[in-house]
């Protein structure tokens, strides 16, 4: 079973913010691969879509509590791959970086996941959202992209969906070699 988690915050006010690129990427992957509509799984407080031994998850717990939803989702499942897609302020807008079993680097959603289920085998697709050192991180992640940045992010979201396809079909090394540039 492949479980792919897109991180973000629920609600219309957060829909197009930088913090929600994980949701955007998982939506693009779902659309590209004809997954069924996401449905709310109340027990885990997450939107879930499943097809061909792949479960897509969008936790509805808000970013900082994502690990609680994931812990419930993975319970009693045999997992081949566990992937988290999330924003990263340390990468320039549009950069994709695929990593495995690394620390959270201060990302509260990833931190929550590591605290709740550990880091063993955890693959992360980090999507750059840029950072301005003059402002607090929370101010950056809850902002929308500029028009120019949005074009880059739209392209990056599509690349991330393709990277996920490659990862599922051919493995981590091929995905890293193809997209960590």
Protein backbone atom coordinates (compact mmCIF):
# COMPACT_ATOMS: atom_id res chain seq x y z
CA UNK A 1 0.00 0.00 0.00
CA UNK A 2 1.28 3.46 -0.94
CA UNK A 3 0.01 6.26 1.27
CA UNK A 4 0.52 9.77 -0.06
CA UNK A 5 -0.23 12.67 2.26
CA UNK A 6 -0.60 16.24 1.09
CA UNK A 7 -0.23 18.78 3.87
CA UNK A 8 -2.25 21.96 4.12
CA UNK A 9 -4.91 23.75 6.13
CA UNK A 10 -8.63 23.15 5.63
CA UNK A 11 -10.99 25.97 4.72
CA UNK A 12 -11.51 28.40 1.85
CA UNK A 13 -9.40 31.15 3.48
CA UNK A 14 -6.30 28.92 3.18
CA UNK A 15 -7.05 27.30 -0.18
CA UNK A 16 -4.48 29.18 -2.29
CA UNK A 17 -1.89 29.96 0.38
CA UNK A 18 1.72 28.85 0.23
CA UNK A 19 1.15 26.44 3.12
CA UNK A 20 -1.33 24.48 0.98
CA UNK A 21 0.93 23.37 -1.87
CA UNK A 22 0.73 19.83 -0.45
CA UNK A 23 -3.05 19.84 -0.95
CA UNK A 24 -2.60 21.35 -4.42
CA UNK A 25 -0.10 18.67 -5.46
CA UNK A 26 -2.21 15.78 -4.20
CA UNK A 27 -5.27 17.21 -5.98
CA UNK A 28 -3.27 17.41 -9.24
CA UNK A 29 -2.03 13.83 -8.80
CA UNK A 30 -5.59 12.61 -8.08
CA UNK A 31 -6.96 14.37 -11.16
CA UNK A 32 -4.14 13.17 -13.43
CA UNK A 33 -4.70 9.56 -12.32
CA UNK A 34 -8.52 9.60 -12.21
CA UNK A 35 -8.89 8.98 -8.49
CA UNK A 36 -12.40 9.06 -7.05
CA UNK A 37 -13.59 12.18 -5.19
CA UNK A 38 -12.07 12.71 -1.75
CA UNK A 39 -14.37 11.74 1.09
CA UNK A 40 -14.16 12.75 4.72
CA UNK A 41 -13.07 9.89 6.95
CA UNK A 42 -14.43 11.10 10.29
CA UNK A 43 -12.39 8.73 12.46
CA UNK A 44 -9.12 10.15 11.15
CA UNK A 45 -10.43 13.66 10.35
CA UNK A 46 -8.96 13.48 6.85
CA UNK A 47 -10.15 13.62 3.26
CA UNK A 48 -9.26 10.30 1.61
CA UNK A 49 -9.31 8.89 -1.92
CA UNK A 50 -8.21 5.35 -2.77
CA UNK A 51 -7.39 3.55 -6.01
CA UNK A 52 -5.06 0.71 -7.09
CA UNK A 53 -3.32 0.25 -3.72
CA UNK A 54 -2.71 3.99 -3.37
CA UNK A 55 -4.37 6.04 -0.64
CA UNK A 56 -4.34 9.83 -0.98
CA UNK A 57 -4.80 11.78 2.24
CA UNK A 58 -5.48 15.43 3.04
CA UNK A 59 -5.57 15.83 6.85
CA UNK A 60 -8.27 18.25 8.02
CA UNK A 61 -6.67 18.79 11.43
CA UNK A 62 -4.76 21.93 10.44
CA UNK A 63 -1.07 21.71 9.66
CA UNK A 64 0.36 21.48 13.18
CA UNK A 65 -1.79 18.46 14.10
CA UNK A 66 -1.35 16.47 10.86
CA UNK A 67 0.36 13.58 12.63
CA UNK A 68 -2.78 12.68 14.59
CA UNK A 69 -4.76 12.11 11.38
CA UNK A 70 -1.93 10.14 9.77
CA UNK A 71 -1.51 7.90 12.81
CA UNK A 72 -5.16 6.86 12.51
CA UNK A 73 -4.97 6.39 8.72
CA UNK A 74 -1.96 4.04 8.78
CA UNK A 75 -3.15 1.94 11.72
CA UNK A 76 -3.40 -1.75 10.75
CA UNK A 77 -2.16 -1.18 7.19
CA UNK A 78 0.79 -2.82 5.46
CA UNK A 79 2.65 0.15 4.03
CA UNK A 80 5.04 -0.10 1.11
CA UNK A 81 5.66 3.65 0.88
CA UNK A 82 4.64 6.59 3.05
CA UNK A 83 5.02 9.95 1.30
CA UNK A 84 4.40 13.46 2.63
CA UNK A 85 4.12 16.42 0.24
CA UNK A 86 4.59 19.81 1.86
CA UNK A 87 5.72 23.41 1.47
CA UNK A 88 9.28 24.43 2.29
CA UNK A 89 10.29 28.02 2.97
CA UNK A 90 13.98 27.12 2.67
CA UNK A 91 13.63 26.34 -1.04
CA UNK A 92 13.05 28.93 -3.78
CA UNK A 93 9.57 29.13 -5.26
CA UNK A 94 9.03 26.17 -7.56
CA UNK A 95 11.98 24.00 -6.50
CA UNK A 96 11.18 20.34 -5.74
CA UNK A 97 13.38 18.34 -3.38
CA UNK A 98 12.69 14.67 -2.59
CA UNK A 99 14.23 13.31 0.62
CA UNK A 100 13.93 10.30 2.91
CA UNK A 101 14.15 9.95 6.69
CA UNK A 102 15.27 13.49 7.46
CA UNK A 103 14.34 15.78 10.34
CA UNK A 104 11.48 18.25 10.13
CA UNK A 105 13.71 21.34 9.62
CA UNK A 106 11.21 23.26 11.72
CA UNK A 107 8.13 22.40 9.61
CA UNK A 108 5.36 21.97 12.19
CA UNK A 109 3.24 19.61 10.07
CA UNK A 110 6.19 17.30 9.41
CA UNK A 111 7.20 17.58 13.08
CA UNK A 112 3.71 16.43 14.10
CA UNK A 113 3.94 13.42 11.76
CA UNK A 114 7.38 12.41 13.03
CA UNK A 115 6.22 12.74 16.66
CA UNK A 116 3.14 10.59 16.00
CA UNK A 117 4.49 7.85 13.72
CA UNK A 118 8.26 8.23 13.55
CA UNK A 119 10.55 8.91 10.62
CA UNK A 120 11.53 5.43 9.45
CA UNK A 121 10.90 5.09 5.72
CA UNK A 122 9.24 8.52 5.53
CA UNK A 123 9.69 10.06 2.07
CA UNK A 124 9.07 13.78 1.67
CA UNK A 125 8.41 15.81 -1.45
CA UNK A 126 9.35 19.36 -0.46
CA UNK A 127 7.98 22.16 -2.64
CA UNK A 128 9.74 25.52 -2.43
CA UNK A 129 7.59 28.49 -1.52
CA UNK A 130 10.40 31.02 -0.98
CA UNK A 131 11.19 33.04 2.10
CA UNK A 132 11.75 36.65 2.98
CA UNK A 133 14.09 36.93 5.97
CA UNK A 134 12.48 40.23 6.96
CA UNK A 135 9.17 38.60 7.94
CA UNK A 136 8.08 35.81 10.26
CA UNK A 137 7.62 32.37 8.69
CA UNK A 138 3.90 32.31 9.64
CA UNK A 139 3.35 35.51 7.66
CA UNK A 140 4.99 33.92 4.60
CA UNK A 141 3.25 30.54 4.64
CA UNK A 142 -0.25 32.00 4.96
CA UNK A 143 0.18 34.40 2.03
CA UNK A 144 -0.97 33.78 -1.52
CA UNK A 145 1.54 33.61 -4.35
CA UNK A 146 2.08 36.63 -6.57
CA UNK A 147 0.79 36.30 -10.13
CA UNK A 148 4.29 35.51 -11.39
CA UNK A 149 4.93 33.00 -8.58
CA UNK A 150 1.54 31.34 -9.20
CA UNK A 151 2.58 30.48 -12.76
CA UNK A 152 5.74 28.84 -11.42
CA UNK A 153 3.81 26.98 -8.70
CA UNK A 154 1.20 25.71 -11.16
CA UNK A 155 4.01 24.21 -13.24
CA UNK A 156 5.68 22.83 -10.10
CA UNK A 157 2.45 21.20 -8.92
CA UNK A 158 2.21 19.38 -12.28
CA UNK A 159 5.88 18.33 -12.02
CA UNK A 160 5.24 17.03 -8.51
CA UNK A 161 2.32 14.91 -9.79
CA UNK A 162 4.66 13.47 -12.46
CA UNK A 163 7.38 12.88 -9.85
CA UNK A 164 4.87 10.95 -7.72
CA UNK A 165 3.96 8.81 -10.74
CA UNK A 166 7.63 8.05 -11.34
CA UNK A 167 8.17 7.30 -7.64
CA UNK A 168 5.27 4.83 -7.53
CA UNK A 169 6.21 3.10 -10.79
CA UNK A 170 10.01 3.11 -10.62
CA UNK A 171 11.05 3.91 -7.05
CA UNK A 172 12.69 6.57 -4.94
CA UNK A 173 16.08 6.66 -6.68
CA UNK A 174 14.57 7.31 -10.12
CA UNK A 175 12.30 10.04 -8.71
CA UNK A 176 15.19 11.69 -6.87
CA UNK A 177 17.46 11.52 -9.90
CA UNK A 178 14.74 12.89 -12.15
CA UNK A 179 13.52 15.75 -9.96
CA UNK A 180 16.22 16.77 -7.45
CA UNK A 181 17.96 19.27 -9.72
